[in-house]
Structure formats: structure tokens, C-alpha cells
């Protein structure tokens, strides 16, 4: 897709005789500022996680519990898939 300006896209869509949308520039600026704030907040969270120290004990807990959780989930899914319904149920 070409990187057209907003003006070019509006002219192509509405034509040269169409009036400009009310407060379009202000809406675009607000949208841009909101997106910029969201990106900055995400970057701060990523930076905080990268700088956080994790002890070996906590890492072991995460690995153990996540592995155990996945094991329980797998057993539960297997039990649901292999469940037999009696012929008289329906």
C-alpha cells in the first residue's frame, strides 16, 4: 500500500468538492497522542520487566507450577476427550 497523506486519501474518497470533516486535524492529533502514550506505557512495562531481578527460587517456582498446571490441564483435556456417554443418555 502506498503511503499517501491524509489529504490525498480524503480527496480520492470524497472528491475536491466535499467539505473537510469538522475538527479532523484535532481528532487525528488526539488519536496520535493516545497511541504514543500507549506505546510509551508498553515500553515502560517492558523495561521494568527486563530490569527486574528474579531469584533462582522464584524461577524454580514458576517452572514447577507452570509445568504442573500444564500437566493437570493435559490430564483434564484427555479425560474430557475420552469420556464415554452411556447409550441411554439421549
N, C-alpha and C. Protein backbone atom coordinates (compact mmCIF):
# COMPACT_ATOMS: atom_id res chain seq x y z
N UNK A 1 0.84 -1.17 0.00
CA UNK A 1 0.00 0.00 0.00
C UNK A 1 0.88 1.23 0.00
N UNK A 2 0.46 2.20 -0.74
CA UNK A 2 1.23 3.44 -0.81
C UNK A 2 1.04 4.22 0.48
N UNK A 3 2.03 5.02 0.79
CA UNK A 3 1.98 5.84 1.98
C UNK A 3 1.46 7.23 1.60
N UNK A 4 0.16 7.32 1.34
CA UNK A 4 -0.45 8.58 0.95
C UNK A 4 -0.74 9.44 2.17
N UNK A 5 -0.79 10.74 1.94
CA UNK A 5 -1.15 11.65 3.03
C UNK A 5 -2.65 11.59 3.27
N UNK A 6 -3.06 12.10 4.42
CA UNK A 6 -4.48 12.13 4.75
C UNK A 6 -5.26 12.95 3.71
N UNK A 7 -4.67 14.07 3.29
CA UNK A 7 -5.35 14.92 2.31
C UNK A 7 -5.58 14.16 1.01
N UNK A 8 -4.59 13.42 0.56
CA UNK A 8 -4.73 12.66 -0.69
C UNK A 8 -5.82 11.60 -0.57
N UNK A 9 -5.84 10.91 0.56
CA UNK A 9 -6.86 9.88 0.76
C UNK A 9 -8.26 10.49 0.81
N UNK A 10 -8.40 11.63 1.50
CA UNK A 10 -9.71 12.27 1.57
C UNK A 10 -10.16 12.77 0.20
N UNK A 11 -9.24 13.35 -0.57
CA UNK A 11 -9.59 13.81 -1.92
C UNK A 11 -10.01 12.65 -2.81
N UNK A 12 -9.28 11.53 -2.70
CA UNK A 12 -9.61 10.37 -3.51
C UNK A 12 -10.97 9.81 -3.13
N UNK A 13 -11.29 9.84 -1.85
CA UNK A 13 -12.54 9.24 -1.38
C UNK A 13 -13.74 10.18 -1.57
N UNK A 14 -13.57 11.45 -1.20
CA UNK A 14 -14.70 12.38 -1.22
C UNK A 14 -14.72 13.31 -2.43
N UNK A 15 -13.58 13.48 -3.09
CA UNK A 15 -13.52 14.41 -4.21
C UNK A 15 -13.16 15.81 -3.74
N UNK A 16 -12.92 16.70 -4.68
CA UNK A 16 -12.45 18.04 -4.32
C UNK A 16 -13.56 18.95 -3.85
N UNK A 17 -14.81 18.61 -4.14
CA UNK A 17 -15.92 19.48 -3.76
C UNK A 17 -16.46 19.19 -2.36
N UNK A 18 -16.03 18.14 -1.74
CA UNK A 18 -16.55 17.78 -0.42
C UNK A 18 -15.94 18.67 0.66
N UNK A 19 -16.74 19.04 1.64
CA UNK A 19 -16.20 19.85 2.74
C UNK A 19 -15.30 19.01 3.63
N UNK A 20 -14.34 19.65 4.25
CA UNK A 20 -13.44 18.95 5.17
C UNK A 20 -14.22 18.54 6.42
N UNK A 21 -13.99 17.36 6.93
CA UNK A 21 -14.67 16.95 8.17
C UNK A 21 -14.35 17.91 9.31
N UNK A 22 -15.32 18.12 10.16
CA UNK A 22 -15.18 19.05 11.27
C UNK A 22 -14.15 18.52 12.26
N UNK A 23 -13.22 19.35 12.62
CA UNK A 23 -12.16 19.07 13.61
C UNK A 23 -11.39 17.78 13.31
N UNK A 24 -11.18 17.51 12.05
CA UNK A 24 -10.44 16.30 11.66
C UNK A 24 -9.01 16.34 12.19
N UNK A 25 -8.36 17.48 12.03
CA UNK A 25 -6.97 17.58 12.46
C UNK A 25 -6.85 17.37 13.97
N UNK A 26 -7.79 17.94 14.73
CA UNK A 26 -7.77 17.77 16.19
C UNK A 26 -7.99 16.31 16.57
N UNK A 27 -8.90 15.64 15.89
CA UNK A 27 -9.16 14.22 16.16
C UNK A 27 -7.93 13.37 15.85
N UNK A 28 -7.27 13.69 14.72
CA UNK A 28 -6.07 12.93 14.36
C UNK A 28 -4.95 13.17 15.37
N UNK A 29 -4.79 14.42 15.81
CA UNK A 29 -3.77 14.72 16.82
C UNK A 29 -4.05 13.99 18.12
N UNK A 30 -5.31 14.00 18.57
CA UNK A 30 -5.66 13.30 19.80
C UNK A 30 -5.40 11.80 19.68
N UNK A 31 -5.76 11.24 18.55
CA UNK A 31 -5.53 9.81 18.32
C UNK A 31 -4.04 9.48 18.34
N UNK A 32 -3.25 10.36 17.72
CA UNK A 32 -1.81 10.14 17.69
C UNK A 32 -1.20 10.22 19.09
N UNK A 33 -1.66 11.17 19.89
CA UNK A 33 -1.15 11.32 21.25
C UNK A 33 -1.54 10.12 22.12
N UNK A 34 -2.75 9.62 21.94
CA UNK A 34 -3.19 8.44 22.71
C UNK A 34 -2.36 7.22 22.33
N UNK A 35 -2.12 7.05 21.05
CA UNK A 35 -1.31 5.91 20.61
C UNK A 35 0.11 6.03 21.12
N UNK A 36 0.65 7.23 21.09
CA UNK A 36 2.01 7.45 21.58
C UNK A 36 2.11 7.16 23.07
N UNK A 37 1.09 7.56 23.83
CA UNK A 37 1.08 7.28 25.27
C UNK A 37 0.98 5.78 25.54
N UNK A 38 0.19 5.08 24.74
CA UNK A 38 0.06 3.63 24.91
C UNK A 38 1.38 2.93 24.60
N UNK A 39 2.05 3.36 23.55
CA UNK A 39 3.35 2.76 23.20
C UNK A 39 4.36 3.03 24.30
N UNK A 40 4.36 4.23 24.83
CA UNK A 40 5.30 4.58 25.90
C UNK A 40 5.01 3.76 27.16
N UNK A 41 3.74 3.57 27.50
CA UNK A 41 3.38 2.77 28.66
C UNK A 41 3.82 1.32 28.48
N UNK A 42 3.61 0.77 27.28
CA UNK A 42 4.06 -0.59 27.00
C UNK A 42 5.58 -0.71 27.13
N UNK A 43 6.28 0.29 26.63
CA UNK A 43 7.74 0.27 26.70
C UNK A 43 8.22 0.34 28.14
N UNK A 44 7.54 1.11 28.98
CA UNK A 44 7.90 1.19 30.39
C UNK A 44 7.70 -0.15 31.08
N UNK A 45 6.61 -0.83 30.76
CA UNK A 45 6.36 -2.15 31.35
C UNK A 45 7.45 -3.13 30.92
N UNK A 46 7.80 -3.10 29.65
CA UNK A 46 8.85 -4.00 29.15
C UNK A 46 10.17 -3.70 29.84
N UNK A 47 10.51 -2.43 29.97
CA UNK A 47 11.75 -2.04 30.63
C UNK A 47 11.77 -2.50 32.08
N UNK A 48 10.63 -2.32 32.78
CA UNK A 48 10.56 -2.76 34.18
C UNK A 48 10.76 -4.26 34.30
N UNK A 49 10.15 -5.03 33.41
CA UNK A 49 10.31 -6.48 33.47
C UNK A 49 11.74 -6.90 33.14
N UNK A 50 12.38 -6.18 32.23
CA UNK A 50 13.76 -6.52 31.87
C UNK A 50 14.72 -6.19 33.00
N UNK A 51 14.42 -5.17 33.79
CA UNK A 51 15.31 -4.76 34.86
C UNK A 51 15.05 -5.51 36.16
N UNK A 52 13.93 -6.17 36.26
CA UNK A 52 13.57 -6.87 37.50
C UNK A 52 14.45 -8.10 37.68
N UNK A 53 14.98 -8.22 38.88
CA UNK A 53 15.79 -9.40 39.19
C UNK A 53 14.86 -10.54 39.63
N UNK A 54 15.16 -11.72 39.17
CA UNK A 54 14.37 -12.89 39.54
C UNK A 54 15.30 -13.87 40.24
N UNK A 55 14.91 -14.27 41.42
CA UNK A 55 15.75 -15.20 42.17
C UNK A 55 15.62 -16.61 41.59
N UNK A 56 16.59 -17.44 41.89
CA UNK A 56 16.53 -18.83 41.42
C UNK A 56 15.34 -19.55 42.03
N UNK A 57 15.02 -19.21 43.28
CA UNK A 57 13.90 -19.84 43.95
C UNK A 57 12.58 -19.51 43.23
N UNK A 58 12.40 -18.23 42.89
CA UNK A 58 11.18 -17.82 42.19
C UNK A 58 11.11 -18.45 40.80
N UNK A 59 12.24 -18.53 40.12
CA UNK A 59 12.27 -19.16 38.80
C UNK A 59 11.88 -20.63 38.90
N UNK A 60 12.38 -21.31 39.91
CA UNK A 60 12.03 -22.71 40.12
C UNK A 60 10.54 -22.86 40.40
N UNK A 61 9.98 -21.94 41.20
CA UNK A 61 8.54 -21.99 41.47
C UNK A 61 7.74 -21.80 40.18
N UNK A 62 8.14 -20.83 39.36
CA UNK A 62 7.43 -20.59 38.11
C UNK A 62 7.47 -21.81 37.20
N UNK A 63 8.64 -22.41 37.07
CA UNK A 63 8.78 -23.57 36.19
C UNK A 63 8.00 -24.75 36.74
N UNK A 64 8.08 -24.98 38.05
CA UNK A 64 7.40 -26.12 38.65
C UNK A 64 5.89 -25.98 38.54
N UNK A 65 5.37 -24.81 38.94
CA UNK A 65 3.92 -24.64 38.93
C UNK A 65 3.36 -24.56 37.52
N UNK A 66 4.09 -23.95 36.61
CA UNK A 66 3.58 -23.90 35.24
C UNK A 66 3.60 -25.29 34.62
N UNK A 67 4.63 -26.07 34.91
CA UNK A 67 4.69 -27.44 34.41
C UNK A 67 3.60 -28.29 35.02
N UNK A 68 3.37 -28.14 36.33
CA UNK A 68 2.31 -28.90 36.98
C UNK A 68 0.94 -28.48 36.45
N UNK A 69 0.76 -27.19 36.24
CA UNK A 69 -0.51 -26.71 35.70
C UNK A 69 -0.79 -27.25 34.32
N UNK A 70 0.26 -27.29 33.49
CA UNK A 70 0.09 -27.84 32.14
C UNK A 70 -0.21 -29.33 32.20
N UNK A 71 0.41 -30.03 33.15
CA UNK A 71 0.14 -31.46 33.31
C UNK A 71 -1.29 -31.72 33.71
N UNK A 72 -1.80 -30.95 34.66
CA UNK A 72 -3.19 -31.10 35.10
C UNK A 72 -4.14 -30.76 33.97
N UNK A 73 -3.84 -29.71 33.23
CA UNK A 73 -4.67 -29.33 32.09
C UNK A 73 -4.70 -30.43 31.05
N UNK A 74 -3.55 -31.02 30.76
CA UNK A 74 -3.48 -32.10 29.77
C UNK A 74 -4.30 -33.31 30.22
N UNK A 75 -4.20 -33.66 31.51
CA UNK A 75 -4.97 -34.79 32.02
C UNK A 75 -6.46 -34.50 31.93
N UNK A 76 -6.86 -33.26 32.27
CA UNK A 76 -8.27 -32.90 32.19
C UNK A 76 -8.81 -32.95 30.77
N UNK A 77 -8.03 -32.44 29.83
CA UNK A 77 -8.46 -32.47 28.42
C UNK A 77 -8.55 -33.91 27.93
N UNK A 78 -7.58 -34.72 28.31
CA UNK A 78 -7.60 -36.12 27.91
C UNK A 78 -8.83 -36.83 28.48
N UNK A 79 -9.15 -36.54 29.74
CA UNK A 79 -10.32 -37.16 30.36
C UNK A 79 -11.61 -36.73 29.64
N UNK A 80 -11.69 -35.46 29.24
CA UNK A 80 -12.88 -34.99 28.54
C UNK A 80 -13.01 -35.61 27.16
N UNK A 81 -11.90 -35.78 26.48
CA UNK A 81 -11.94 -36.35 25.14
C UNK A 81 -12.26 -37.84 25.17
N UNK A 82 -11.84 -38.54 26.19
CA UNK A 82 -12.05 -39.98 26.26
C UNK A 82 -13.31 -40.37 27.02
N UNK A 83 -14.09 -39.38 27.44
CA UNK A 83 -15.29 -39.67 28.23
C UNK A 83 -16.31 -40.39 27.34
N UNK A 84 -16.82 -41.47 27.82
CA UNK A 84 -17.83 -42.25 27.10
C UNK A 84 -19.20 -41.94 27.67
N UNK A 85 -20.16 -41.67 26.80
CA UNK A 85 -21.53 -41.43 27.24
C UNK A 85 -22.32 -42.74 27.15
N UNK A 86 -23.13 -42.99 28.13
CA UNK A 86 -23.95 -44.20 28.04
C UNK A 86 -24.98 -44.07 26.90
N UNK A 87 -25.38 -45.19 26.35
CA UNK A 87 -26.27 -45.20 25.20
C UNK A 87 -27.66 -44.66 25.56
N UNK A 88 -28.05 -44.76 26.80
CA UNK A 88 -29.39 -44.34 27.21
C UNK A 88 -29.45 -42.85 27.58
N UNK A 89 -28.34 -42.11 27.47
CA UNK A 89 -28.32 -40.70 27.88
C UNK A 89 -29.19 -39.86 26.95
N UNK A 90 -29.30 -40.21 25.70
CA UNK A 90 -30.10 -39.41 24.76
C UNK A 90 -31.11 -40.28 24.15
